[in-house]
């Protein structure tokens, strides 16, 4: 199992511990050699959060590796939520 798959399992477990309806969930996908992680919201909105082709995680020089993928996904989710709120506020003016 890849690190991306493990991350999705971990995030879904954490999410479902707090969410009773399970209408929202993280998705792991692989298209050829490219892995990606997305969030599905209410079964009809998908937000792409990461893919290994365009990995925007922070490189930690001291450890010669990227930051933890789950931390990166949560940060990207916060950014997406902020952008969606900005769009909503703009449209509701």
N, C-alpha and C. Protein backbone atom coordinates (compact mmCIF):
# COMPACT_ATOMS: atom_id res chain seq x y z
N UNK A 1 0.85 -1.18 0.00
CA UNK A 1 0.00 0.00 0.00
C UNK A 1 0.90 1.24 0.00
N UNK A 2 0.57 2.21 -0.84
CA UNK A 2 1.39 3.42 -0.95
C UNK A 2 1.11 4.36 0.23
N UNK A 3 2.00 5.33 0.40
CA UNK A 3 1.82 6.34 1.44
C UNK A 3 0.54 7.13 1.21
N UNK A 4 0.20 7.40 -0.03
CA UNK A 4 -1.03 8.13 -0.34
C UNK A 4 -2.26 7.32 0.08
N UNK A 5 -2.26 6.03 -0.19
CA UNK A 5 -3.38 5.18 0.22
C UNK A 5 -3.49 5.12 1.74
N UNK A 6 -2.36 4.98 2.41
CA UNK A 6 -2.35 4.96 3.87
C UNK A 6 -2.89 6.27 4.44
N UNK A 7 -2.51 7.37 3.82
CA UNK A 7 -2.96 8.69 4.27
C UNK A 7 -4.47 8.82 4.13
N UNK A 8 -5.02 8.37 3.01
CA UNK A 8 -6.47 8.43 2.81
C UNK A 8 -7.19 7.58 3.85
N UNK A 9 -6.69 6.40 4.11
CA UNK A 9 -7.31 5.55 5.14
C UNK A 9 -7.28 6.23 6.50
N UNK A 10 -6.14 6.81 6.86
CA UNK A 10 -6.01 7.49 8.14
C UNK A 10 -6.97 8.66 8.24
N UNK A 11 -7.00 9.52 7.21
CA UNK A 11 -7.88 10.69 7.23
C UNK A 11 -9.36 10.29 7.27
N UNK A 12 -9.73 9.25 6.53
CA UNK A 12 -11.13 8.80 6.58
C UNK A 12 -11.49 8.26 7.95
N UNK A 13 -10.59 7.52 8.56
CA UNK A 13 -10.85 7.01 9.91
C UNK A 13 -11.06 8.15 10.89
N UNK A 14 -10.18 9.16 10.82
CA UNK A 14 -10.32 10.32 11.71
C UNK A 14 -11.62 11.07 11.43
N UNK A 15 -11.92 11.21 10.17
CA UNK A 15 -13.13 11.94 9.76
C UNK A 15 -14.38 11.20 10.23
N UNK A 16 -14.43 9.92 10.00
CA UNK A 16 -15.62 9.15 10.32
C UNK A 16 -15.82 8.95 11.81
N UNK A 17 -14.77 9.11 12.59
CA UNK A 17 -14.94 9.09 14.05
C UNK A 17 -15.78 10.27 14.51
N UNK A 18 -15.73 11.36 13.76
CA UNK A 18 -16.43 12.60 14.13
C UNK A 18 -17.70 12.83 13.32
N UNK A 19 -17.86 12.14 12.23
CA UNK A 19 -18.97 12.36 11.29
C UNK A 19 -19.85 11.11 11.27
N UNK A 20 -21.11 11.26 11.61
CA UNK A 20 -22.00 10.10 11.66
C UNK A 20 -22.59 9.73 10.30
N UNK A 21 -22.82 10.71 9.45
CA UNK A 21 -23.51 10.45 8.19
C UNK A 21 -22.63 9.83 7.11
N UNK A 22 -21.34 10.09 7.16
CA UNK A 22 -20.39 9.57 6.17
C UNK A 22 -20.71 10.06 4.75
N UNK A 23 -21.23 11.29 4.65
CA UNK A 23 -21.50 11.86 3.34
C UNK A 23 -20.25 12.49 2.72
N UNK A 24 -19.21 12.60 3.51
CA UNK A 24 -17.96 13.21 3.05
C UNK A 24 -16.84 12.19 3.25
N UNK A 25 -15.93 12.12 2.29
CA UNK A 25 -14.85 11.15 2.42
C UNK A 25 -13.70 11.52 1.48
N UNK A 26 -12.49 11.11 1.90
CA UNK A 26 -11.31 11.30 1.08
C UNK A 26 -11.19 10.17 0.07
N UNK A 27 -10.63 10.49 -1.09
CA UNK A 27 -10.53 9.53 -2.20
C UNK A 27 -9.07 9.42 -2.63
N UNK A 28 -8.61 8.19 -2.77
CA UNK A 28 -7.31 7.93 -3.38
C UNK A 28 -7.59 7.48 -4.81
N UNK A 29 -6.82 8.01 -5.76
CA UNK A 29 -6.95 7.57 -7.15
C UNK A 29 -5.55 7.43 -7.75
N UNK A 30 -5.46 6.52 -8.70
CA UNK A 30 -4.21 6.37 -9.44
C UNK A 30 -4.56 6.33 -10.92
N UNK A 31 -3.94 7.23 -11.67
CA UNK A 31 -4.14 7.32 -13.11
C UNK A 31 -2.77 7.10 -13.74
N UNK A 32 -2.55 5.90 -14.25
CA UNK A 32 -1.21 5.55 -14.73
C UNK A 32 -0.27 5.51 -13.55
N UNK A 33 0.77 6.31 -13.60
CA UNK A 33 1.73 6.34 -12.50
C UNK A 33 1.48 7.50 -11.53
N UNK A 34 0.43 8.28 -11.76
CA UNK A 34 0.14 9.45 -10.94
C UNK A 34 -0.87 9.10 -9.85
N UNK A 35 -0.49 9.35 -8.59
CA UNK A 35 -1.40 9.16 -7.47
C UNK A 35 -1.99 10.51 -7.08
N UNK A 36 -3.24 10.49 -6.60
CA UNK A 36 -3.87 11.74 -6.18
C UNK A 36 -4.79 11.49 -4.99
N UNK A 37 -5.04 12.57 -4.26
CA UNK A 37 -5.96 12.54 -3.12
C UNK A 37 -6.94 13.69 -3.29
N UNK A 38 -8.22 13.37 -3.11
CA UNK A 38 -9.30 14.36 -3.22
C UNK A 38 -10.24 14.19 -2.04
N UNK A 39 -11.12 15.17 -1.87
CA UNK A 39 -12.18 15.08 -0.88
C UNK A 39 -13.50 15.14 -1.60
N UNK A 40 -14.38 14.20 -1.33
CA UNK A 40 -15.73 14.22 -1.88
C UNK A 40 -16.64 14.77 -0.79
N UNK A 41 -17.40 15.80 -1.14
CA UNK A 41 -18.29 16.46 -0.20
C UNK A 41 -19.73 16.21 -0.60
N UNK A 42 -20.45 15.59 0.28
CA UNK A 42 -21.89 15.36 0.08
C UNK A 42 -22.20 14.59 -1.20
N UNK A 43 -21.30 13.74 -1.62
CA UNK A 43 -21.45 12.87 -2.79
C UNK A 43 -21.48 13.59 -4.14
N UNK A 44 -21.36 14.94 -4.16
CA UNK A 44 -21.49 15.59 -5.46
C UNK A 44 -20.44 16.66 -5.76
N UNK A 45 -19.56 16.97 -4.82
CA UNK A 45 -18.49 17.94 -5.06
C UNK A 45 -17.17 17.26 -4.73
N UNK A 46 -16.23 17.33 -5.65
CA UNK A 46 -14.91 16.74 -5.42
C UNK A 46 -13.87 17.85 -5.46
N UNK A 47 -13.03 17.88 -4.43
CA UNK A 47 -11.97 18.88 -4.33
C UNK A 47 -10.63 18.16 -4.40
N UNK A 48 -9.87 18.46 -5.43
CA UNK A 48 -8.54 17.86 -5.58
C UNK A 48 -7.59 18.55 -4.61
N UNK A 49 -6.88 17.75 -3.80
CA UNK A 49 -6.01 18.31 -2.77
C UNK A 49 -4.53 18.05 -2.99
N UNK A 50 -4.18 16.97 -3.70
CA UNK A 50 -2.77 16.62 -3.87
C UNK A 50 -2.63 15.62 -5.00
N UNK A 51 -1.50 15.71 -5.72
CA UNK A 51 -1.10 14.63 -6.62
C UNK A 51 0.42 14.60 -6.65
N UNK A 52 0.97 13.43 -6.88
CA UNK A 52 2.42 13.29 -6.81
C UNK A 52 3.13 13.84 -8.05
N UNK A 53 2.40 14.18 -9.08
CA UNK A 53 2.99 14.81 -10.27
C UNK A 53 3.35 16.27 -9.98
N UNK A 54 2.54 16.91 -9.15
CA UNK A 54 2.73 18.32 -8.79
C UNK A 54 2.74 18.43 -7.27
N UNK A 55 3.71 17.79 -6.64
CA UNK A 55 3.77 17.69 -5.19
C UNK A 55 4.21 19.02 -4.59
N UNK A 56 3.31 19.68 -3.88
CA UNK A 56 3.61 21.00 -3.32
C UNK A 56 3.92 20.94 -1.83
N UNK A 57 4.22 19.75 -1.33
CA UNK A 57 4.58 19.63 0.08
C UNK A 57 5.91 20.33 0.36
N UNK A 58 6.11 20.70 1.60
CA UNK A 58 7.33 21.35 2.03
C UNK A 58 8.45 20.32 2.16
N UNK A 59 9.61 20.63 1.58
CA UNK A 59 10.78 19.76 1.68
C UNK A 59 11.51 20.10 2.99
N UNK A 60 11.75 19.09 3.81
CA UNK A 60 12.46 19.28 5.07
C UNK A 60 13.90 18.83 4.87
N UNK A 61 14.76 19.81 4.70
CA UNK A 61 16.16 19.54 4.35
C UNK A 61 16.87 18.68 5.40
N UNK A 62 16.62 18.97 6.68
CA UNK A 62 17.31 18.23 7.75
C UNK A 62 17.04 16.73 7.69
N UNK A 63 15.85 16.35 7.24
CA UNK A 63 15.48 14.94 7.18
C UNK A 63 15.53 14.36 5.76
N UNK A 64 15.78 15.21 4.78
CA UNK A 64 15.84 14.81 3.37
C UNK A 64 14.55 14.10 2.94
N UNK A 65 13.43 14.70 3.32
CA UNK A 65 12.13 14.16 2.91
C UNK A 65 11.08 15.26 2.98
N UNK A 66 9.93 14.98 2.37
CA UNK A 66 8.81 15.91 2.40
C UNK A 66 8.10 15.84 3.74
N UNK A 67 7.35 16.91 4.03
CA UNK A 67 6.51 16.90 5.23
C UNK A 67 5.50 15.76 5.14
N UNK A 68 4.93 15.40 6.27
CA UNK A 68 3.95 14.34 6.31
C UNK A 68 2.77 14.66 5.38
N UNK A 69 2.35 13.68 4.62
CA UNK A 69 1.29 13.89 3.63
C UNK A 69 -0.03 14.27 4.28
N UNK A 70 -0.37 13.68 5.41
CA UNK A 70 -1.65 14.00 6.06
C UNK A 70 -1.68 15.46 6.52
N UNK A 71 -0.56 15.97 7.03
CA UNK A 71 -0.49 17.38 7.44
C UNK A 71 -0.68 18.28 6.22
N UNK A 72 -0.05 17.92 5.12
CA UNK A 72 -0.19 18.70 3.89
C UNK A 72 -1.64 18.70 3.39
N UNK A 73 -2.28 17.54 3.41
CA UNK A 73 -3.68 17.44 2.94
C UNK A 73 -4.59 18.32 3.80
N UNK A 74 -4.40 18.30 5.10
CA UNK A 74 -5.25 19.12 5.97
C UNK A 74 -5.02 20.61 5.73
N UNK A 75 -3.77 21.00 5.46
CA UNK A 75 -3.49 22.40 5.15
C UNK A 75 -4.14 22.79 3.82
N UNK A 76 -4.04 21.92 2.82
CA UNK A 76 -4.66 22.20 1.52
C UNK A 76 -6.19 22.28 1.65
N UNK A 77 -6.75 21.47 2.52
CA UNK A 77 -8.20 21.51 2.75
C UNK A 77 -8.60 22.85 3.36
N UNK A 78 -7.82 23.33 4.31
CA UNK A 78 -8.10 24.65 4.91
C UNK A 78 -8.02 25.75 3.87
N UNK A 79 -7.02 25.69 2.98
CA UNK A 79 -6.91 26.67 1.90
C UNK A 79 -8.12 26.63 0.99
N UNK A 80 -8.56 25.42 0.63
CA UNK A 80 -9.72 25.28 -0.26
C UNK A 80 -10.97 25.83 0.41
N UNK A 81 -11.14 25.56 1.70
CA UNK A 81 -12.31 26.06 2.42
C UNK A 81 -12.31 27.59 2.46
N UNK A 82 -11.13 28.17 2.67
CA UNK A 82 -11.03 29.63 2.69
C UNK A 82 -11.39 30.21 1.33
N UNK A 83 -10.90 29.61 0.26
CA UNK A 83 -11.21 30.09 -1.09
C UNK A 83 -12.70 29.96 -1.39
N UNK A 84 -13.30 28.85 -1.01
CA UNK A 84 -14.74 28.66 -1.23
C UNK A 84 -15.56 29.70 -0.46
N UNK A 85 -15.13 30.02 0.75
CA UNK A 85 -15.83 31.04 1.52
C UNK A 85 -15.71 32.40 0.85
N UNK A 86 -14.52 32.72 0.30
CA UNK A 86 -14.34 33.98 -0.42
C UNK A 86 -15.26 34.06 -1.63
N UNK A 87 -15.35 32.98 -2.37
CA UNK A 87 -16.22 32.95 -3.55
C UNK A 87 -17.68 33.11 -3.13
N UNK A 88 -18.07 32.41 -2.08
CA UNK A 88 -19.44 32.52 -1.59
C UNK A 88 -19.77 33.94 -1.15
N UNK A 89 -18.86 34.55 -0.40
CA UNK A 89 -19.06 35.94 0.04
C UNK A 89 -19.16 36.88 -1.13
N UNK A 90 -18.33 36.70 -2.15
CA UNK A 90 -18.36 37.55 -3.33
C UNK A 90 -19.71 37.42 -4.05
N UNK A 91 -20.18 36.21 -4.20
CA UNK A 91 -21.43 35.99 -4.94
C UNK A 91 -22.65 36.45 -4.15
N UNK A 92 -22.52 36.52 -2.84
CA UNK A 92 -23.66 36.93 -1.99
C UNK A 92 -23.68 38.42 -1.70
N UNK A 93 -22.83 39.19 -2.35
CA UNK A 93 -22.80 40.65 -2.13
C UNK A 93 -23.98 41.32 -2.77
